[in-house]
Every structure is written in structure tokens, then in C-alpha cells.
Amino acid sequence: MDILGKFTRRSERSAKTWKDTKTYFSQRYNLLKLEFLEKSTQLLSVIFSMLIVIVCALVVLIYLSSAVIHWLTMALGAAWAYTILCVLFVGIIVFVLAKKDVLFVKPLIRKFSRIMYPDEVEELETENVVKDAEIESEHEEGGQYEQ
């Protein structure tokens, strides 16, 4: 009878352990779903806000360009007005393409990495700040002379 009691206690413990394990993995799965939902919502909000900014900027650019064309047409004539505005737009396009990494890619990557990996990004930023401070202190010390 004592042997039978040991087996029933073991089976009760194993059943409880199995139930606790299922509960743990269920809670962990729910946590992962919530974290995914939070991060995807943040990413979508960044993307949608950028789209809204781009659309508003294009509307402003269209109205501004029509006003500039109107003013230049009255001053120089239609052909010169459109030529000047075309050269201006080509210059803007060349500038944006030349600086696209600085203007768009790096800030977006930084923003997305802060959303997806907040702990790792904070550690890297603090390490970079410490390294920059050490480099500045080395430059300051190296420039002085001893008496």
C-alpha cells in the first residue's frame, strides 16, 4: 500500500507539473503575442505618420510651385518660369538622392531598432557615449603640455 501511495503522489506531482508547464507556456505565448502587437502597432504608426507627412509635403509643394510659376510667369514669361522651376526640382531631387542615407535611412533604422530592440539599443548608445567621452578626454589630455 505504501508503494501504491508513492506512485499516486508521483503521478499527482507530475500532473501538477504538467499543468504548471502548460500554464507557463500559455502565459509566455500570450506575452509574446502582446509584445508583437505592441511593436507592430508602433511600427505601423511610424510608417503611417511618415506617409501623412509625405502627402502633406507634396500638397504644399504643389501649391508652392504653382504660386512660384505664377509669379515667375508674370516677371519672366512662361517658358523661363517652367524652366527655372524644373531646374529647381531637379536640384532638390539630386540633393535628396545624395543625402538619402542621412535624411531617411539611418533615422528610420534607428527608430525601428529602438522599437524592436529597446534594451540593446540603450546599451549600445550608453557604450557609444562612454567611448566618445573617453576619446574627448584623450584629445584634451594629449593637447596639453607638462611644465
N, C-alpha and C. Protein backbone atom coordinates (compact mmCIF):
# COMPACT_ATOMS: atom_id res chain seq x y z
N MET A 1 0.81 -1.18 0.00
CA MET A 1 0.00 0.00 0.00
C MET A 1 0.86 1.25 0.00
N ASP A 2 1.98 1.17 0.68
CA ASP A 2 2.89 2.30 0.72
C ASP A 2 3.48 2.56 -0.66
N ILE A 3 3.74 1.50 -1.41
CA ILE A 3 4.28 1.64 -2.76
C ILE A 3 3.24 2.28 -3.67
N LEU A 4 2.00 1.87 -3.53
CA LEU A 4 0.93 2.45 -4.33
C LEU A 4 0.76 3.94 -4.02
N GLY A 5 0.91 4.31 -2.77
CA GLY A 5 0.82 5.73 -2.38
C GLY A 5 1.92 6.56 -3.00
N LYS A 6 3.14 5.99 -3.10
CA LYS A 6 4.24 6.72 -3.73
C LYS A 6 3.94 7.00 -5.20
N PHE A 7 3.39 5.98 -5.87
CA PHE A 7 3.09 6.16 -7.30
C PHE A 7 1.97 7.18 -7.52
N THR A 8 0.96 7.15 -6.65
CA THR A 8 -0.13 8.11 -6.82
C THR A 8 0.35 9.53 -6.53
N ARG A 9 1.22 9.68 -5.53
CA ARG A 9 1.76 11.02 -5.25
C ARG A 9 2.63 11.50 -6.41
N ARG A 10 3.43 10.58 -6.97
CA ARG A 10 4.25 10.96 -8.12
C ARG A 10 3.39 11.35 -9.30
N SER A 11 2.36 10.59 -9.55
CA SER A 11 1.50 10.91 -10.68
C SER A 11 0.76 12.23 -10.44
N GLU A 12 0.39 12.49 -9.19
CA GLU A 12 -0.24 13.78 -8.88
C GLU A 12 0.75 14.92 -9.08
N ARG A 13 2.00 14.70 -8.64
CA ARG A 13 3.02 15.73 -8.83
C ARG A 13 3.32 15.95 -10.32
N SER A 14 3.42 14.85 -11.05
CA SER A 14 3.70 15.00 -12.47
C SER A 14 2.53 15.67 -13.19
N ALA A 15 1.30 15.36 -12.77
CA ALA A 15 0.13 16.03 -13.37
C ALA A 15 0.15 17.52 -13.04
N LYS A 16 0.50 17.85 -11.80
CA LYS A 16 0.58 19.26 -11.41
C LYS A 16 1.72 19.96 -12.17
N THR A 17 2.84 19.26 -12.29
CA THR A 17 3.97 19.84 -13.04
C THR A 17 3.58 20.06 -14.50
N TRP A 18 2.91 19.09 -15.08
CA TRP A 18 2.47 19.23 -16.47
C TRP A 18 1.49 20.39 -16.62
N LYS A 19 0.57 20.52 -15.68
CA LYS A 19 -0.40 21.62 -15.71
C LYS A 19 0.32 22.96 -15.56
N ASP A 20 1.28 23.04 -14.65
CA ASP A 20 2.05 24.27 -14.47
C ASP A 20 2.86 24.60 -15.72
N THR A 21 3.42 23.57 -16.35
CA THR A 21 4.20 23.79 -17.57
C THR A 21 3.31 24.32 -18.69
N LYS A 22 2.13 23.72 -18.84
CA LYS A 22 1.19 24.20 -19.86
C LYS A 22 0.77 25.64 -19.58
N THR A 23 0.52 25.94 -18.31
CA THR A 23 0.14 27.30 -17.93
C THR A 23 1.27 28.28 -18.23
N TYR A 24 2.49 27.88 -17.91
CA TYR A 24 3.65 28.75 -18.16
C TYR A 24 3.79 29.04 -19.65
N PHE A 25 3.75 28.00 -20.47
CA PHE A 25 3.92 28.22 -21.91
C PHE A 25 2.75 28.97 -22.51
N SER A 26 1.58 28.77 -21.98
CA SER A 26 0.42 29.52 -22.43
C SER A 26 0.58 31.01 -22.11
N GLN A 27 1.02 31.29 -20.89
CA GLN A 27 1.25 32.70 -20.50
C GLN A 27 2.38 33.32 -21.30
N ARG A 28 3.42 32.54 -21.54
CA ARG A 28 4.56 33.03 -22.33
C ARG A 28 4.12 33.34 -23.77
N TYR A 29 3.30 32.47 -24.34
CA TYR A 29 2.78 32.68 -25.69
C TYR A 29 1.92 33.94 -25.73
N ASN A 30 1.07 34.13 -24.73
CA ASN A 30 0.24 35.34 -24.68
C ASN A 30 1.09 36.59 -24.55
N LEU A 31 2.16 36.51 -23.76
CA LEU A 31 3.07 37.65 -23.62
C LEU A 31 3.75 37.98 -24.95
N LEU A 32 4.20 36.96 -25.66
CA LEU A 32 4.83 37.18 -26.97
C LEU A 32 3.85 37.80 -27.96
N LYS A 33 2.60 37.35 -27.93
CA LYS A 33 1.59 37.95 -28.81
C LYS A 33 1.38 39.42 -28.49
N LEU A 34 1.32 39.74 -27.21
CA LEU A 34 1.12 41.14 -26.81
C LEU A 34 2.32 42.00 -27.19
N GLU A 35 3.52 41.48 -27.00
CA GLU A 35 4.72 42.23 -27.38
C GLU A 35 4.76 42.44 -28.89
N PHE A 36 4.41 41.41 -29.66
CA PHE A 36 4.36 41.55 -31.11
C PHE A 36 3.33 42.59 -31.52
N LEU A 37 2.17 42.56 -30.88
CA LEU A 37 1.12 43.52 -31.19
C LEU A 37 1.58 44.94 -30.88
N GLU A 38 2.24 45.12 -29.74
CA GLU A 38 2.72 46.46 -29.37
C GLU A 38 3.75 46.97 -30.36
N LYS A 39 4.73 46.13 -30.70
CA LYS A 39 5.79 46.58 -31.60
C LYS A 39 5.28 46.80 -33.01
N SER A 40 4.39 45.93 -33.47
CA SER A 40 3.86 46.13 -34.82
C SER A 40 2.99 47.39 -34.87
N THR A 41 2.28 47.67 -33.81
CA THR A 41 1.48 48.90 -33.77
C THR A 41 2.37 50.13 -33.79
N GLN A 42 3.46 50.10 -33.06
CA GLN A 42 4.39 51.22 -33.07
C GLN A 42 5.01 51.41 -34.45
N LEU A 43 5.40 50.30 -35.08
CA LEU A 43 5.99 50.39 -36.42
C LEU A 43 4.98 50.94 -37.43
N LEU A 44 3.75 50.46 -37.37
CA LEU A 44 2.73 50.96 -38.29
C LEU A 44 2.42 52.43 -38.05
N SER A 45 2.44 52.85 -36.79
CA SER A 45 2.18 54.26 -36.51
C SER A 45 3.30 55.14 -37.07
N VAL A 46 4.54 54.68 -36.99
CA VAL A 46 5.66 55.43 -37.58
C VAL A 46 5.49 55.51 -39.09
N ILE A 47 5.15 54.38 -39.71
CA ILE A 47 5.00 54.36 -41.17
C ILE A 47 3.85 55.26 -41.60
N PHE A 48 2.71 55.16 -40.93
CA PHE A 48 1.57 55.99 -41.31
C PHE A 48 1.83 57.47 -41.07
N SER A 49 2.49 57.79 -39.99
CA SER A 49 2.80 59.20 -39.74
C SER A 49 3.75 59.75 -40.81
N MET A 50 4.70 58.92 -41.24
CA MET A 50 5.60 59.37 -42.31
C MET A 50 4.84 59.54 -43.62
N LEU A 51 3.91 58.64 -43.89
CA LEU A 51 3.10 58.79 -45.10
C LEU A 51 2.27 60.06 -45.07
N ILE A 52 1.70 60.37 -43.93
CA ILE A 52 0.92 61.60 -43.80
C ILE A 52 1.80 62.82 -44.01
N VAL A 53 2.99 62.80 -43.44
CA VAL A 53 3.92 63.92 -43.62
C VAL A 53 4.31 64.07 -45.09
N ILE A 54 4.57 62.94 -45.75
CA ILE A 54 4.95 62.99 -47.16
C ILE A 54 3.82 63.54 -48.01
N VAL A 55 2.59 63.08 -47.77
CA VAL A 55 1.45 63.57 -48.55
C VAL A 55 1.24 65.06 -48.31
N CYS A 56 1.32 65.50 -47.07
CA CYS A 56 1.16 66.94 -46.77
C CYS A 56 2.27 67.76 -47.42
N ALA A 57 3.49 67.25 -47.39
CA ALA A 57 4.60 67.96 -48.02
C ALA A 57 4.40 68.06 -49.52
N LEU A 58 3.89 67.00 -50.13
CA LEU A 58 3.62 67.06 -51.58
C LEU A 58 2.53 68.07 -51.91
N VAL A 59 1.50 68.13 -51.10
CA VAL A 59 0.43 69.12 -51.34
C VAL A 59 0.99 70.53 -51.22
N VAL A 60 1.79 70.76 -50.19
CA VAL A 60 2.40 72.08 -50.02
C VAL A 60 3.32 72.39 -51.20
N LEU A 61 4.09 71.40 -51.63
CA LEU A 61 5.00 71.60 -52.76
C LEU A 61 4.24 71.93 -54.04
N ILE A 62 3.13 71.28 -54.26
CA ILE A 62 2.33 71.56 -55.46
C ILE A 62 1.79 72.98 -55.42
N TYR A 63 1.20 73.39 -54.30
CA TYR A 63 0.68 74.75 -54.21
C TYR A 63 1.79 75.80 -54.29
N LEU A 64 2.91 75.53 -53.63
CA LEU A 64 4.02 76.47 -53.67
C LEU A 64 4.58 76.59 -55.09
N SER A 65 4.71 75.46 -55.77
CA SER A 65 5.25 75.51 -57.13
C SER A 65 4.31 76.24 -58.07
N SER A 66 2.99 76.07 -57.89
CA SER A 66 2.06 76.81 -58.76
C SER A 66 2.14 78.32 -58.48
N ALA A 67 2.34 78.69 -57.22
CA ALA A 67 2.48 80.12 -56.90
C ALA A 67 3.77 80.68 -57.49
N VAL A 68 4.87 79.93 -57.37
CA VAL A 68 6.15 80.39 -57.92
C VAL A 68 6.06 80.50 -59.44
N ILE A 69 5.41 79.54 -60.08
CA ILE A 69 5.25 79.61 -61.54
C ILE A 69 4.42 80.83 -61.92
N HIS A 70 3.39 81.11 -61.18
CA HIS A 70 2.57 82.29 -61.47
C HIS A 70 3.39 83.57 -61.36
N TRP A 71 4.17 83.70 -60.27
CA TRP A 71 4.98 84.90 -60.09
C TRP A 71 6.06 85.01 -61.18
N LEU A 72 6.73 83.89 -61.46
CA LEU A 72 7.78 83.93 -62.48
C LEU A 72 7.21 84.17 -63.87
N THR A 73 6.02 83.67 -64.15
CA THR A 73 5.39 83.90 -65.45
C THR A 73 5.12 85.39 -65.65
N MET A 74 4.68 86.04 -64.61
CA MET A 74 4.41 87.48 -64.72
C MET A 74 5.72 88.25 -64.88
N ALA A 75 6.79 87.77 -64.28
CA ALA A 75 8.05 88.51 -64.33
C ALA A 75 8.89 88.16 -65.56
N LEU A 76 8.98 86.89 -65.92
CA LEU A 76 9.93 86.46 -66.96
C LEU A 76 9.27 85.85 -68.20
N GLY A 77 8.10 85.35 -68.07
CA GLY A 77 7.45 84.64 -69.16
C GLY A 77 7.28 83.18 -68.77
N ALA A 78 6.37 82.51 -69.47
CA ALA A 78 6.00 81.14 -69.11
C ALA A 78 7.15 80.15 -69.31
N ALA A 79 7.88 80.28 -70.42
CA ALA A 79 8.94 79.32 -70.72
C ALA A 79 10.03 79.37 -69.66
N TRP A 80 10.46 80.57 -69.30
CA TRP A 80 11.51 80.70 -68.29
C TRP A 80 11.00 80.26 -66.91
N ALA A 81 9.75 80.52 -66.61
CA ALA A 81 9.19 80.13 -65.31
C ALA A 81 9.23 78.61 -65.13
N TYR A 82 8.77 77.90 -66.16
CA TYR A 82 8.77 76.44 -66.07
C TYR A 82 10.18 75.86 -66.09
N THR A 83 11.08 76.48 -66.83
CA THR A 83 12.47 76.02 -66.87
C THR A 83 13.14 76.20 -65.52
N ILE A 84 12.97 77.35 -64.92
CA ILE A 84 13.57 77.62 -63.62
C ILE A 84 13.03 76.66 -62.57
N LEU A 85 11.73 76.44 -62.57
CA LEU A 85 11.15 75.54 -61.60
C LEU A 85 11.58 74.09 -61.83
N CYS A 86 11.72 73.70 -63.08
CA CYS A 86 12.21 72.35 -63.40
C CYS A 86 13.64 72.16 -62.90
N VAL A 87 14.50 73.15 -63.12
CA VAL A 87 15.88 73.07 -62.64
C VAL A 87 15.90 73.01 -61.11
N LEU A 88 15.03 73.78 -60.47
CA LEU A 88 14.94 73.76 -59.01
C LEU A 88 14.53 72.37 -58.51
N PHE A 89 13.53 71.76 -59.14
CA PHE A 89 13.10 70.43 -58.73
C PHE A 89 14.16 69.37 -58.99
N VAL A 90 14.87 69.45 -60.10
CA VAL A 90 15.95 68.52 -60.37
C VAL A 90 17.05 68.66 -59.31
N GLY A 91 17.35 69.89 -58.92
CA GLY A 91 18.34 70.12 -57.87
C GLY A 91 17.89 69.53 -56.54
N ILE A 92 16.61 69.68 -56.23
CA ILE A 92 16.09 69.10 -54.98
C ILE A 92 16.18 67.58 -55.03
N ILE A 93 15.84 66.99 -56.18
CA ILE A 93 15.90 65.53 -56.32
C ILE A 93 17.34 65.03 -56.17
N VAL A 94 18.28 65.72 -56.79
CA VAL A 94 19.69 65.31 -56.69
C VAL A 94 20.17 65.42 -55.25
N PHE A 95 19.80 66.49 -54.56
CA PHE A 95 20.18 66.67 -53.16
C PHE A 95 19.60 65.56 -52.29
N VAL A 96 18.32 65.24 -52.47
CA VAL A 96 17.67 64.21 -51.66
C VAL A 96 18.30 62.84 -51.93
N LEU A 97 18.59 62.56 -53.21
CA LEU A 97 19.22 61.27 -53.52
C LEU A 97 20.64 61.18 -52.96
N ALA A 98 21.34 62.30 -52.94
CA ALA A 98 22.70 62.29 -52.40
C ALA A 98 22.70 62.14 -50.88
N LYS A 99 21.71 62.68 -50.22
CA LYS A 99 21.65 62.65 -48.76
C LYS A 99 20.60 61.70 -48.21
N LYS A 100 20.13 60.72 -49.02
CA LYS A 100 19.04 59.86 -48.58
C LYS A 100 19.39 59.04 -47.35
N ASP A 101 20.65 58.61 -47.23
CA ASP A 101 21.03 57.83 -46.06
C ASP A 101 20.93 58.67 -44.79
N VAL A 102 21.43 59.88 -44.86
CA VAL A 102 21.42 60.75 -43.69
C VAL A 102 20.00 61.23 -43.37
N LEU A 103 19.22 61.52 -44.42
CA LEU A 103 17.89 62.07 -44.21
C LEU A 103 16.84 61.02 -43.86
N PHE A 104 16.92 59.85 -44.48
CA PHE A 104 15.84 58.88 -44.34
C PHE A 104 16.26 57.54 -43.75
N VAL A 105 17.27 56.92 -44.32
CA VAL A 105 17.58 55.52 -43.99
C VAL A 105 18.06 55.39 -42.56
N LYS A 106 19.06 56.14 -42.16
CA LYS A 106 19.61 56.00 -40.80
C LYS A 106 18.60 56.36 -39.72
N PRO A 107 17.85 57.47 -39.86
CA PRO A 107 16.84 57.73 -38.83
C PRO A 107 15.76 56.66 -38.75
N LEU A 108 15.35 56.12 -39.91
CA LEU A 108 14.34 55.06 -39.88
C LEU A 108 14.88 53.80 -39.22
N ILE A 109 16.09 53.42 -39.56
CA ILE A 109 16.68 52.24 -38.94
C ILE A 109 16.83 52.45 -37.44
N ARG A 110 17.26 53.64 -37.05
CA ARG A 110 17.40 53.93 -35.62
C ARG A 110 16.05 53.86 -34.91
N LYS A 111 15.03 54.43 -35.53
CA LYS A 111 13.69 54.41 -34.93
C LYS A 111 13.15 52.99 -34.84
N PHE A 112 13.29 52.21 -35.91
CA PHE A 112 12.79 50.84 -35.89
C PHE A 112 13.57 49.98 -34.91
N SER A 113 14.87 50.19 -34.80
CA SER A 113 15.65 49.39 -33.85
C SER A 113 15.31 49.77 -32.41
N ARG A 114 14.96 51.03 -32.17
CA ARG A 114 14.53 51.41 -30.82
C ARG A 114 13.20 50.77 -30.48
N ILE A 115 12.35 50.59 -31.48
CA ILE A 115 11.06 49.95 -31.23
C ILE A 115 11.23 48.45 -31.03
N MET A 116 12.01 47.82 -31.90
CA MET A 116 12.12 46.36 -31.86
C MET A 116 13.05 45.87 -30.75
N TYR A 117 14.14 46.58 -30.50
CA TYR A 117 15.14 46.14 -29.52
C TYR A 117 15.50 47.29 -28.58
N PRO A 118 14.60 47.68 -27.70
CA PRO A 118 14.88 48.87 -26.87
C PRO A 118 16.04 48.69 -25.90
N ASP A 119 16.17 47.51 -25.30
CA ASP A 119 17.23 47.29 -24.31
C ASP A 119 18.61 47.31 -24.95
N GLU A 120 18.75 46.61 -26.08
CA GLU A 120 20.04 46.53 -26.74
C GLU A 120 20.48 47.89 -27.27
N VAL A 121 19.53 48.67 -27.78
CA VAL A 121 19.86 49.98 -28.33
C VAL A 121 20.32 50.92 -27.22
N GLU A 122 19.66 50.86 -26.06
CA GLU A 122 20.07 51.70 -24.94
C GLU A 122 21.48 51.35 -24.49
N GLU A 123 21.79 50.05 -24.45
CA GLU A 123 23.14 49.63 -24.05
C GLU A 123 24.18 50.14 -25.05
N LEU A 124 23.88 50.01 -26.35
CA LEU A 124 24.81 50.47 -27.36
C LEU A 124 24.99 51.99 -27.31
N GLU A 125 23.90 52.72 -27.09
CA GLU A 125 24.00 54.17 -27.02
C GLU A 125 24.83 54.61 -25.81
N THR A 126 24.64 53.94 -24.66
CA THR A 126 25.44 54.32 -23.49
C THR A 126 26.90 53.96 -23.70
N GLU A 127 27.16 52.82 -24.37
CA GLU A 127 28.55 52.47 -24.68
C GLU A 127 29.18 53.49 -25.62
N ASN A 128 28.42 53.94 -26.61
CA ASN A 128 28.95 54.94 -27.55
C ASN A 128 29.20 56.27 -26.86
N VAL A 129 28.34 56.65 -25.93
CA VAL A 129 28.53 57.90 -25.19
C VAL A 129 29.79 57.80 -24.34
N VAL A 130 29.98 56.66 -23.70
CA VAL A 130 31.18 56.47 -22.87
C VAL A 130 32.44 56.51 -23.74
N LYS A 131 32.40 55.82 -24.89
CA LYS A 131 33.56 55.83 -25.79
C LYS A 131 33.85 57.24 -26.29
N ASP A 132 32.80 57.99 -26.66
CA ASP A 132 33.00 59.36 -27.12
C ASP A 132 33.60 60.23 -26.03
N ALA A 133 33.15 60.04 -24.79
CA ALA A 133 33.70 60.81 -23.67
C ALA A 133 35.17 60.46 -23.44
N GLU A 134 35.50 59.17 -23.58
CA GLU A 134 36.88 58.76 -23.40
C GLU A 134 37.77 59.34 -24.50
N ILE A 135 37.28 59.35 -25.72
CA ILE A 135 38.05 59.89 -26.84
C ILE A 135 38.27 61.39 -26.66
N GLU A 136 37.22 62.10 -26.22
CA GLU A 136 37.36 63.54 -25.98
C GLU A 136 38.35 63.82 -24.86
N SER A 137 38.31 63.01 -23.80
CA SER A 137 39.24 63.25 -22.70
C SER A 137 40.67 62.94 -23.13
N GLU A 138 40.87 61.96 -24.00
CA GLU A 138 42.22 61.66 -24.51
C GLU A 138 42.74 62.82 -25.36
N HIS A 139 41.86 63.40 -26.17
CA HIS A 139 42.27 64.53 -27.00
C HIS A 139 42.61 65.74 -26.15
N GLU A 140 41.84 65.97 -25.10
CA GLU A 140 42.11 67.10 -24.23
C GLU A 140 43.44 66.91 -23.50
N GLU A 141 43.70 65.71 -23.01
CA GLU A 141 44.93 65.46 -22.28
C GLU A 141 46.14 65.50 -23.23
N GLY A 142 45.96 65.00 -24.45
CA GLY A 142 47.07 64.95 -25.40
C GLY A 142 47.49 66.32 -25.88
N GLY A 143 46.60 67.28 -25.85
CA GLY A 143 46.92 68.61 -26.35
C GLY A 143 47.63 69.48 -25.35
N GLN A 144 47.68 69.08 -24.09
CA GLN A 144 48.32 69.90 -23.07
C GLN A 144 49.78 69.49 -22.93
N TYR A 145 50.57 70.40 -22.43
CA TYR A 145 51.96 70.10 -22.17
C TYR A 145 52.24 70.22 -20.70
N GLU A 146 53.23 69.47 -20.25
CA GLU A 146 53.57 69.49 -18.83
C GLU A 146 54.66 70.51 -18.59
N GLN A 147 54.63 71.11 -17.43
CA GLN A 147 55.65 72.12 -17.11
C GLN A 147 56.65 71.54 -16.15
